[in-house]
């Protein structure tokens, strides 16, 4: 039996890196801002779906599964300001937690796999995500839109920066 033939491409010695070729290790840190934003959105999408289902269950438990929009509006207007605020916080909390988890995960990706990246680039990825999400959800100039944009920004930037720190600390030396 003849000796095994080996493909020269697989057995060739490593050649010098071509300066035009880009690999993940040679990317400038700002490239990882975009990668982090995509990672945050990719993680946030399924978590937002789960958060919506949880919020719908909360509303159904509070107002009944067959409550009409008018019945819900009437019940909300009969609530005190404190009761209404607690209900709105309970409804918003699953979405905020989903964004926090996704931003942390995206920050870890940026900090762990980016060369020369850390909390700053991860925070920028969170900021880009918050701006895009707030722009998509913008419903006009109102207090609720402003509060939602600010909360989205604070959560995305803060948790992404934290994830970037954790990821950078776990980067191999």
N, C-alpha and C. Protein backbone atom coordinates (compact mmCIF):
# COMPACT_ATOMS: atom_id res chain seq x y z
N UNK A 1 0.84 -1.18 0.00
CA UNK A 1 0.00 0.00 0.00
C UNK A 1 0.89 1.24 0.00
N UNK A 2 0.55 2.17 -0.83
CA UNK A 2 1.38 3.37 -0.95
C UNK A 2 1.14 4.31 0.24
N UNK A 3 2.11 5.18 0.41
CA UNK A 3 2.02 6.13 1.52
C UNK A 3 0.85 7.09 1.29
N UNK A 4 0.24 7.52 2.36
CA UNK A 4 -0.89 8.44 2.26
C UNK A 4 -0.49 9.74 1.61
N UNK A 5 -1.34 10.20 0.74
CA UNK A 5 -1.10 11.50 0.13
C UNK A 5 -1.72 12.56 1.00
N UNK A 6 -1.03 13.59 1.24
CA UNK A 6 -1.53 14.68 2.08
C UNK A 6 -1.70 15.94 1.24
N UNK A 7 -2.72 16.66 1.57
CA UNK A 7 -2.96 17.89 0.83
C UNK A 7 -1.91 18.93 1.20
N UNK A 8 -1.30 19.53 0.21
CA UNK A 8 -0.24 20.49 0.52
C UNK A 8 -0.77 21.72 1.27
N UNK A 9 -2.02 22.06 1.08
CA UNK A 9 -2.57 23.24 1.74
C UNK A 9 -2.62 23.02 3.25
N UNK A 10 -2.98 21.81 3.66
CA UNK A 10 -3.10 21.53 5.08
C UNK A 10 -1.74 21.34 5.74
N UNK A 11 -0.78 20.88 5.00
CA UNK A 11 0.54 20.61 5.57
C UNK A 11 1.53 21.73 5.33
N UNK A 12 1.14 22.74 4.64
CA UNK A 12 2.07 23.83 4.33
C UNK A 12 2.42 24.57 5.62
N UNK A 13 3.66 25.02 5.72
CA UNK A 13 4.03 25.80 6.90
C UNK A 13 3.27 27.12 6.90
N UNK A 14 3.03 27.66 8.07
CA UNK A 14 2.28 28.93 8.11
C UNK A 14 3.06 30.01 7.39
N UNK A 15 2.36 30.76 6.57
CA UNK A 15 3.01 31.83 5.83
C UNK A 15 2.88 33.12 6.61
N UNK A 16 3.66 34.07 6.24
CA UNK A 16 3.62 35.37 6.92
C UNK A 16 2.26 36.00 6.69
N UNK A 17 1.79 36.68 7.69
CA UNK A 17 0.46 37.30 7.61
C UNK A 17 0.48 38.39 6.56
N UNK A 18 -0.53 38.38 5.73
CA UNK A 18 -0.70 39.39 4.70
C UNK A 18 -1.30 40.63 5.37
N UNK A 19 -0.71 41.80 5.20
CA UNK A 19 -1.25 42.99 5.86
C UNK A 19 -2.66 43.35 5.41
N UNK A 20 -3.05 42.90 4.19
CA UNK A 20 -4.40 43.20 3.72
C UNK A 20 -5.43 42.27 4.34
N UNK A 21 -4.99 41.10 4.83
CA UNK A 21 -5.91 40.15 5.45
C UNK A 21 -6.24 40.61 6.84
N UNK A 22 -7.50 40.51 7.22
CA UNK A 22 -7.86 40.90 8.58
C UNK A 22 -8.37 39.68 9.31
N UNK A 23 -7.88 39.49 10.49
CA UNK A 23 -8.38 38.42 11.33
C UNK A 23 -8.97 39.07 12.57
N UNK A 24 -9.65 38.28 13.40
CA UNK A 24 -10.32 38.84 14.56
C UNK A 24 -9.32 39.48 15.52
N UNK A 25 -8.07 39.00 15.55
CA UNK A 25 -7.09 39.54 16.47
C UNK A 25 -6.50 40.85 15.96
N UNK A 26 -6.58 41.10 14.69
CA UNK A 26 -5.98 42.30 14.13
C UNK A 26 -6.99 43.44 13.96
N UNK A 27 -8.20 43.20 14.31
CA UNK A 27 -9.21 44.24 14.15
C UNK A 27 -8.98 45.37 15.15
N UNK A 28 -9.22 46.60 14.74
CA UNK A 28 -9.13 47.68 15.71
C UNK A 28 -10.28 47.57 16.73
N UNK A 29 -10.08 48.08 17.92
CA UNK A 29 -11.11 47.93 18.96
C UNK A 29 -12.48 48.48 18.58
N UNK A 30 -12.54 49.53 17.78
CA UNK A 30 -13.85 50.11 17.45
C UNK A 30 -14.69 49.19 16.59
N UNK A 31 -14.08 48.24 15.88
CA UNK A 31 -14.87 47.27 15.11
C UNK A 31 -15.74 46.44 16.05
N UNK A 32 -15.25 46.20 17.26
CA UNK A 32 -15.96 45.36 18.20
C UNK A 32 -17.20 46.04 18.77
N UNK A 33 -17.32 47.34 18.59
CA UNK A 33 -18.54 48.04 19.01
C UNK A 33 -19.72 47.52 18.19
N UNK A 34 -19.55 47.42 16.90
CA UNK A 34 -20.61 46.89 16.04
C UNK A 34 -20.90 45.43 16.32
N UNK A 35 -19.84 44.63 16.50
CA UNK A 35 -20.05 43.22 16.82
C UNK A 35 -20.80 43.07 18.14
N UNK A 36 -20.45 43.91 19.11
CA UNK A 36 -21.12 43.86 20.41
C UNK A 36 -22.58 44.25 20.31
N UNK A 37 -22.89 45.27 19.51
CA UNK A 37 -24.28 45.68 19.33
C UNK A 37 -25.10 44.56 18.70
N UNK A 38 -24.52 43.89 17.72
CA UNK A 38 -25.21 42.76 17.09
C UNK A 38 -25.42 41.64 18.10
N UNK A 39 -24.40 41.38 18.91
CA UNK A 39 -24.51 40.32 19.92
C UNK A 39 -25.59 40.66 20.95
N UNK A 40 -25.68 41.92 21.33
CA UNK A 40 -26.71 42.33 22.29
C UNK A 40 -28.10 42.15 21.69
N UNK A 41 -28.28 42.60 20.46
CA UNK A 41 -29.59 42.42 19.82
C UNK A 41 -29.93 40.94 19.64
N UNK A 42 -28.93 40.14 19.28
CA UNK A 42 -29.18 38.70 19.09
C UNK A 42 -29.59 38.04 20.40
N UNK A 43 -29.04 38.47 21.50
CA UNK A 43 -29.44 37.91 22.79
C UNK A 43 -30.74 38.50 23.30
N UNK A 44 -30.98 39.76 22.97
CA UNK A 44 -32.16 40.46 23.49
C UNK A 44 -33.44 39.97 22.81
N UNK A 45 -33.38 39.62 21.56
CA UNK A 45 -34.58 39.24 20.82
C UNK A 45 -35.35 38.09 21.48
N UNK A 46 -34.74 36.94 21.75
CA UNK A 46 -35.52 35.88 22.41
C UNK A 46 -35.92 36.25 23.84
N UNK A 47 -35.07 37.02 24.52
CA UNK A 47 -35.41 37.42 25.88
C UNK A 47 -36.58 38.41 25.89
N UNK A 48 -36.68 39.25 24.88
CA UNK A 48 -37.81 40.17 24.77
C UNK A 48 -39.11 39.41 24.51
N UNK A 49 -39.01 38.34 23.75
CA UNK A 49 -40.19 37.50 23.50
C UNK A 49 -40.70 36.90 24.81
N UNK A 50 -39.78 36.37 25.61
CA UNK A 50 -40.15 35.79 26.91
C UNK A 50 -40.69 36.88 27.83
N UNK A 51 -40.06 38.05 27.83
CA UNK A 51 -40.52 39.16 28.67
C UNK A 51 -41.92 39.60 28.28
N UNK A 52 -42.22 39.62 26.99
CA UNK A 52 -43.56 39.98 26.54
C UNK A 52 -44.60 38.98 27.03
N UNK A 53 -44.24 37.70 27.00
CA UNK A 53 -45.17 36.68 27.49
C UNK A 53 -45.40 36.82 29.00
N UNK A 54 -44.34 37.12 29.74
CA UNK A 54 -44.49 37.32 31.19
C UNK A 54 -45.35 38.54 31.47
N UNK A 55 -45.11 39.63 30.76
CA UNK A 55 -45.91 40.85 30.96
C UNK A 55 -47.37 40.61 30.60
N UNK A 56 -47.63 39.84 29.56
CA UNK A 56 -49.01 39.53 29.18
C UNK A 56 -49.70 38.71 30.28
N UNK A 57 -48.96 37.79 30.88
CA UNK A 57 -49.51 37.00 31.99
C UNK A 57 -49.84 37.89 33.19
N UNK A 58 -48.97 38.85 33.47
CA UNK A 58 -49.22 39.77 34.59
C UNK A 58 -50.50 40.57 34.32
N UNK A 59 -50.63 41.06 33.11
CA UNK A 59 -51.84 41.84 32.76
C UNK A 59 -53.09 40.96 32.82
N UNK A 60 -52.99 39.73 32.34
CA UNK A 60 -54.14 38.82 32.37
C UNK A 60 -54.51 38.47 33.81
N UNK A 61 -53.52 38.30 34.66
CA UNK A 61 -53.80 37.99 36.06
C UNK A 61 -54.44 39.18 36.77
N UNK A 62 -54.04 40.37 36.39
CA UNK A 62 -54.55 41.59 37.06
C UNK A 62 -55.93 41.98 36.56
N UNK A 63 -56.15 41.90 35.25
CA UNK A 63 -57.39 42.40 34.67
C UNK A 63 -58.29 41.33 34.09
N UNK A 64 -57.83 40.10 34.09
CA UNK A 64 -58.61 39.01 33.51
C UNK A 64 -58.16 38.73 32.09
N UNK A 65 -58.25 37.47 31.67
CA UNK A 65 -57.74 37.11 30.34
C UNK A 65 -58.55 37.68 29.19
N UNK A 66 -59.81 38.01 29.44
CA UNK A 66 -60.67 38.51 28.35
C UNK A 66 -60.96 39.99 28.46
N UNK A 67 -60.17 40.73 29.24
CA UNK A 67 -60.41 42.16 29.44
C UNK A 67 -60.16 42.92 28.14
N UNK A 68 -61.08 43.81 27.84
CA UNK A 68 -60.93 44.65 26.64
C UNK A 68 -60.03 45.84 26.98
N UNK A 69 -59.61 46.53 25.95
CA UNK A 69 -58.76 47.71 26.16
C UNK A 69 -59.50 48.76 26.98
N UNK A 70 -60.78 48.93 26.72
CA UNK A 70 -61.57 49.91 27.49
C UNK A 70 -61.67 49.51 28.96
N UNK A 71 -61.83 48.22 29.22
CA UNK A 71 -61.91 47.75 30.61
C UNK A 71 -60.59 47.97 31.33
N UNK A 72 -59.49 47.73 30.64
CA UNK A 72 -58.17 47.95 31.24
C UNK A 72 -57.96 49.44 31.49
N UNK A 73 -58.32 50.28 30.52
CA UNK A 73 -58.18 51.73 30.71
C UNK A 73 -59.02 52.22 31.88
N UNK A 74 -60.23 51.71 32.01
CA UNK A 74 -61.10 52.09 33.11
C UNK A 74 -60.50 51.66 34.45
N UNK A 75 -59.99 50.43 34.51
CA UNK A 75 -59.37 49.94 35.74
C UNK A 75 -58.11 50.72 36.08
N UNK A 76 -57.33 51.09 35.09
CA UNK A 76 -56.12 51.89 35.34
C UNK A 76 -56.46 53.27 35.85
N UNK A 77 -57.52 53.87 35.32
CA UNK A 77 -57.90 55.21 35.78
C UNK A 77 -58.45 55.17 37.20
N UNK A 78 -58.98 54.03 37.63
CA UNK A 78 -59.49 53.90 39.00
C UNK A 78 -58.38 53.65 40.01
N UNK A 79 -57.18 53.28 39.55
CA UNK A 79 -56.06 53.00 40.46
C UNK A 79 -55.45 54.30 40.97
N UNK A 80 -54.82 54.20 42.13
CA UNK A 80 -54.05 55.34 42.63
C UNK A 80 -52.75 55.42 41.84
N UNK A 81 -52.08 56.54 41.97
CA UNK A 81 -50.82 56.73 41.25
C UNK A 81 -49.79 55.69 41.68
N UNK A 82 -49.74 55.36 42.95
CA UNK A 82 -48.79 54.35 43.44
C UNK A 82 -49.09 52.97 42.89
N UNK A 83 -50.37 52.60 42.85
CA UNK A 83 -50.74 51.29 42.30
C UNK A 83 -50.39 51.19 40.82
N UNK A 84 -50.67 52.28 40.11
CA UNK A 84 -50.36 52.31 38.67
C UNK A 84 -48.86 52.22 38.43
N UNK A 85 -48.07 52.91 39.25
CA UNK A 85 -46.62 52.88 39.10
C UNK A 85 -46.08 51.47 39.39
N UNK A 86 -46.60 50.82 40.42
CA UNK A 86 -46.17 49.46 40.73
C UNK A 86 -46.51 48.50 39.60
N UNK A 87 -47.71 48.64 39.04
CA UNK A 87 -48.11 47.77 37.94
C UNK A 87 -47.22 48.00 36.72
N UNK A 88 -46.95 49.24 36.38
CA UNK A 88 -46.11 49.54 35.22
C UNK A 88 -44.68 49.03 35.44
N UNK A 89 -44.17 49.15 36.67
CA UNK A 89 -42.83 48.63 36.97
C UNK A 89 -42.81 47.11 36.85
N UNK A 90 -43.88 46.46 37.31
CA UNK A 90 -43.96 45.00 37.22
C UNK A 90 -44.02 44.55 35.76
N UNK A 91 -44.69 45.31 34.94
CA UNK A 91 -44.79 44.96 33.52
C UNK A 91 -43.46 45.22 32.80
N UNK A 92 -42.77 46.29 33.17
CA UNK A 92 -41.52 46.65 32.49
C UNK A 92 -40.33 45.83 32.97
N UNK A 93 -40.37 45.32 34.19
CA UNK A 93 -39.21 44.63 34.76
C UNK A 93 -38.70 43.46 33.92
N UNK A 94 -39.55 42.58 33.39
CA UNK A 94 -39.01 41.48 32.57
C UNK A 94 -38.24 41.97 31.33
N UNK A 95 -38.72 43.02 30.71
CA UNK A 95 -38.02 43.56 29.54
C UNK A 95 -36.68 44.17 29.93
N UNK A 96 -36.66 44.86 31.05
CA UNK A 96 -35.41 45.47 31.53
C UNK A 96 -34.40 44.38 31.88
N UNK A 97 -34.86 43.33 32.54
CA UNK A 97 -33.96 42.23 32.88
C UNK A 97 -33.43 41.53 31.63
N UNK A 98 -34.28 41.36 30.63
CA UNK A 98 -33.83 40.76 29.37
C UNK A 98 -32.75 41.59 28.70
N UNK A 99 -32.94 42.91 28.67
CA UNK A 99 -31.93 43.79 28.10
C UNK A 99 -30.64 43.73 28.92
N UNK A 100 -30.76 43.69 30.24
CA UNK A 100 -29.58 43.64 31.09
C UNK A 100 -28.76 42.38 30.83
N UNK A 101 -29.43 41.25 30.74
CA UNK A 101 -28.73 39.98 30.48
C UNK A 101 -28.07 40.00 29.11
N UNK A 102 -28.80 40.48 28.11
CA UNK A 102 -28.25 40.53 26.75
C UNK A 102 -27.07 41.50 26.65
N UNK A 103 -27.19 42.66 27.30
CA UNK A 103 -26.10 43.64 27.27
C UNK A 103 -24.86 43.10 27.98
N UNK A 104 -25.07 42.42 29.10
CA UNK A 104 -23.94 41.81 29.80
C UNK A 104 -23.26 40.78 28.90
N UNK A 105 -24.05 39.92 28.26
CA UNK A 105 -23.49 38.91 27.36
C UNK A 105 -22.75 39.52 26.18
N UNK A 106 -23.33 40.55 25.58
CA UNK A 106 -22.64 41.23 24.48
C UNK A 106 -21.35 41.88 24.94
N UNK A 107 -21.36 42.45 26.14
CA UNK A 107 -20.15 43.04 26.70
C UNK A 107 -19.07 42.00 26.94
N UNK A 108 -19.47 40.83 27.41
CA UNK A 108 -18.50 39.75 27.62
C UNK A 108 -17.88 39.35 26.29
N UNK A 109 -18.67 39.25 25.25
CA UNK A 109 -18.15 38.89 23.92
C UNK A 109 -17.12 39.92 23.47
N UNK A 110 -17.44 41.20 23.62
CA UNK A 110 -16.51 42.25 23.20
C UNK A 110 -15.22 42.20 24.03
N UNK A 111 -15.36 42.10 25.33
CA UNK A 111 -14.18 42.09 26.19
C UNK A 111 -13.34 40.84 26.06
N UNK A 112 -13.97 39.72 25.86
CA UNK A 112 -13.25 38.43 25.83
C UNK A 112 -12.55 38.19 24.50
N UNK A 113 -13.21 38.49 23.39
CA UNK A 113 -12.67 38.12 22.08
C UNK A 113 -12.04 39.29 21.32
N UNK A 114 -12.31 40.51 21.72
CA UNK A 114 -11.71 41.65 21.04
C UNK A 114 -10.30 41.89 21.49
N UNK A 115 -9.43 42.20 20.56
CA UNK A 115 -8.04 42.49 20.90
C UNK A 115 -7.94 43.95 21.32
N UNK A 116 -7.52 44.18 22.53
CA UNK A 116 -7.40 45.55 23.03
C UNK A 116 -8.73 46.18 23.38
N UNK A 117 -9.73 45.38 23.63
CA UNK A 117 -11.05 45.91 23.98
C UNK A 117 -11.30 45.69 25.46
N UNK A 118 -12.28 46.40 25.95
CA UNK A 118 -12.64 46.27 27.35
C UNK A 118 -13.97 46.93 27.61
N UNK A 119 -14.09 47.51 28.78
CA UNK A 119 -15.36 48.09 29.21
C UNK A 119 -15.78 49.27 28.31
N UNK A 120 -14.83 50.05 27.83
CA UNK A 120 -15.19 51.22 27.02
C UNK A 120 -15.87 50.81 25.72
N UNK A 121 -15.27 49.87 24.99
CA UNK A 121 -15.87 49.42 23.73
C UNK A 121 -17.19 48.70 23.97
N UNK A 122 -17.27 47.94 25.05
CA UNK A 122 -18.52 47.25 25.37
C UNK A 122 -19.60 48.27 25.72
N UNK A 123 -19.26 49.32 26.47
CA UNK A 123 -20.23 50.36 26.80
C UNK A 123 -20.69 51.09 25.54
N UNK A 124 -19.79 51.30 24.60
CA UNK A 124 -20.17 51.92 23.32
C UNK A 124 -21.14 51.02 22.55
N UNK A 125 -20.90 49.71 22.61
CA UNK A 125 -21.83 48.77 21.97
C UNK A 125 -23.20 48.86 22.62
N UNK A 126 -23.24 48.98 23.95
CA UNK A 126 -24.50 49.16 24.65
C UNK A 126 -25.18 50.45 24.26
N UNK A 127 -24.40 51.52 24.10
CA UNK A 127 -24.96 52.81 23.70
C UNK A 127 -25.55 52.74 22.29
N UNK A 128 -24.84 52.10 21.38
CA UNK A 128 -25.35 51.94 20.01
C UNK A 128 -26.66 51.16 20.03
N UNK A 129 -26.69 50.09 20.81
CA UNK A 129 -27.91 49.29 20.93
C UNK A 129 -29.06 50.12 21.48
N UNK A 130 -28.79 50.91 22.51
CA UNK A 130 -29.84 51.73 23.13
C UNK A 130 -30.37 52.78 22.16
N UNK A 131 -29.47 53.39 21.40
CA UNK A 131 -29.90 54.41 20.45
C UNK A 131 -30.77 53.79 19.35
N UNK A 132 -30.34 52.65 18.84
CA UNK A 132 -31.12 51.98 17.78
C UNK A 132 -32.48 51.55 18.32
N UNK A 133 -32.50 50.91 19.49
CA UNK A 133 -33.76 50.43 20.06
C UNK A 133 -34.69 51.60 20.40
N UNK A 134 -34.15 52.67 20.95
CA UNK A 134 -34.99 53.83 21.29
C UNK A 134 -35.52 54.53 20.05
N UNK A 135 -34.72 54.54 19.00
CA UNK A 135 -35.18 55.14 17.74
C UNK A 135 -36.32 54.32 17.14
N UNK A 136 -36.18 53.02 17.19
CA UNK A 136 -37.23 52.15 16.65
C UNK A 136 -38.52 52.29 17.46
N UNK A 137 -38.40 52.41 18.77
CA UNK A 137 -39.58 52.44 19.65
C UNK A 137 -40.13 53.84 19.86
N UNK A 138 -39.47 54.86 19.35
CA UNK A 138 -39.86 56.24 19.61
C UNK A 138 -41.29 56.49 19.13
N UNK A 139 -42.11 57.03 20.02
CA UNK A 139 -43.51 57.29 19.67
C UNK A 139 -43.84 58.78 19.76
N UNK A 140 -42.86 59.61 19.64
CA UNK A 140 -43.07 61.04 19.73
C UNK A 140 -42.52 61.56 21.05
N UNK A 141 -42.44 62.85 21.14
CA UNK A 141 -41.88 63.49 22.33
C UNK A 141 -42.89 63.44 23.47
N UNK A 142 -42.62 62.59 24.42
CA UNK A 142 -43.46 62.49 25.61
C UNK A 142 -42.59 62.03 26.77
N UNK A 143 -43.10 62.17 27.98
CA UNK A 143 -42.33 61.74 29.15
C UNK A 143 -42.07 60.24 29.13
N UNK A 144 -43.06 59.48 28.71
CA UNK A 144 -42.86 58.03 28.71
C UNK A 144 -41.79 57.61 27.70
N UNK A 145 -41.73 58.25 26.54
CA UNK A 145 -40.70 57.93 25.55
C UNK A 145 -39.32 58.33 26.05
N UNK A 146 -39.23 59.48 26.71
CA UNK A 146 -37.95 59.93 27.24
C UNK A 146 -37.46 59.02 28.37
N UNK A 147 -38.38 58.65 29.27
CA UNK A 147 -38.01 57.76 30.37
C UNK A 147 -37.57 56.41 29.83
N UNK A 148 -38.31 55.89 28.85
CA UNK A 148 -37.95 54.59 28.26
C UNK A 148 -36.58 54.66 27.59
N UNK A 149 -36.29 55.75 26.89
CA UNK A 149 -34.99 55.89 26.22
C UNK A 149 -33.86 56.00 27.25
N UNK A 150 -34.09 56.75 28.31
CA UNK A 150 -33.05 56.91 29.34
C UNK A 150 -32.81 55.58 30.06
N UNK A 151 -33.87 54.89 30.45
CA UNK A 151 -33.71 53.60 31.13
C UNK A 151 -33.02 52.60 30.22
N UNK A 152 -33.42 52.55 28.97
CA UNK A 152 -32.78 51.64 28.01
C UNK A 152 -31.29 51.95 27.90
N UNK A 153 -30.95 53.23 27.80
CA UNK A 153 -29.55 53.62 27.70
C UNK A 153 -28.75 53.26 28.94
N UNK A 154 -29.29 53.58 30.10
CA UNK A 154 -28.57 53.29 31.35
C UNK A 154 -28.35 51.79 31.54
N UNK A 155 -29.39 51.01 31.29
CA UNK A 155 -29.27 49.55 31.46
C UNK A 155 -28.30 48.96 30.44
N UNK A 156 -28.46 49.34 29.17
CA UNK A 156 -27.60 48.76 28.12
C UNK A 156 -26.15 49.16 28.32
N UNK A 157 -25.89 50.41 28.60
CA UNK A 157 -24.50 50.87 28.75
C UNK A 157 -23.87 50.29 30.01
N UNK A 158 -24.60 50.34 31.11
CA UNK A 158 -24.06 49.85 32.37
C UNK A 158 -23.75 48.36 32.35
N UNK A 159 -24.69 47.57 31.91
CA UNK A 159 -24.48 46.12 31.91
C UNK A 159 -23.48 45.69 30.83
N UNK A 160 -23.45 46.38 29.70
CA UNK A 160 -22.46 46.05 28.67
C UNK A 160 -21.06 46.38 29.16
N UNK A 161 -20.90 47.51 29.84
CA UNK A 161 -19.58 47.86 30.39
C UNK A 161 -19.13 46.83 31.42
N UNK A 162 -20.04 46.42 32.27
CA UNK A 162 -19.72 45.39 33.26
C UNK A 162 -19.32 44.09 32.57
N UNK A 163 -20.07 43.69 31.56
CA UNK A 163 -19.72 42.51 30.79
C UNK A 163 -18.38 42.64 30.10
N UNK A 164 -18.07 43.84 29.60
CA UNK A 164 -16.77 44.07 28.98
C UNK A 164 -15.63 43.89 29.97
N UNK A 165 -15.81 44.36 31.18
CA UNK A 165 -14.79 44.16 32.23
C UNK A 165 -14.59 42.69 32.53
N UNK A 166 -15.71 41.97 32.68
CA UNK A 166 -15.63 40.54 32.98
C UNK A 166 -14.98 39.80 31.83
N UNK A 167 -15.36 40.12 30.60
CA UNK A 167 -14.78 39.46 29.43
C UNK A 167 -13.30 39.74 29.28
N UNK A 168 -12.89 40.97 29.52
CA UNK A 168 -11.47 41.32 29.41
C UNK A 168 -10.66 40.60 30.49
N UNK A 169 -11.24 40.41 31.67
CA UNK A 169 -10.53 39.70 32.73
C UNK A 169 -10.38 38.21 32.41
N UNK A 170 -11.26 37.67 31.59
CA UNK A 170 -11.20 36.25 31.24
C UNK A 170 -10.48 35.99 29.92
N UNK A 171 -9.92 37.02 29.33
CA UNK A 171 -9.20 36.86 28.08
C UNK A 171 -7.90 36.11 28.37
N UNK A 172 -7.55 35.13 27.52
CA UNK A 172 -6.29 34.42 27.77
C UNK A 172 -5.10 35.36 27.62
N UNK A 173 -4.11 35.12 28.43
CA UNK A 173 -2.93 35.99 28.43
C UNK A 173 -2.06 35.79 27.23
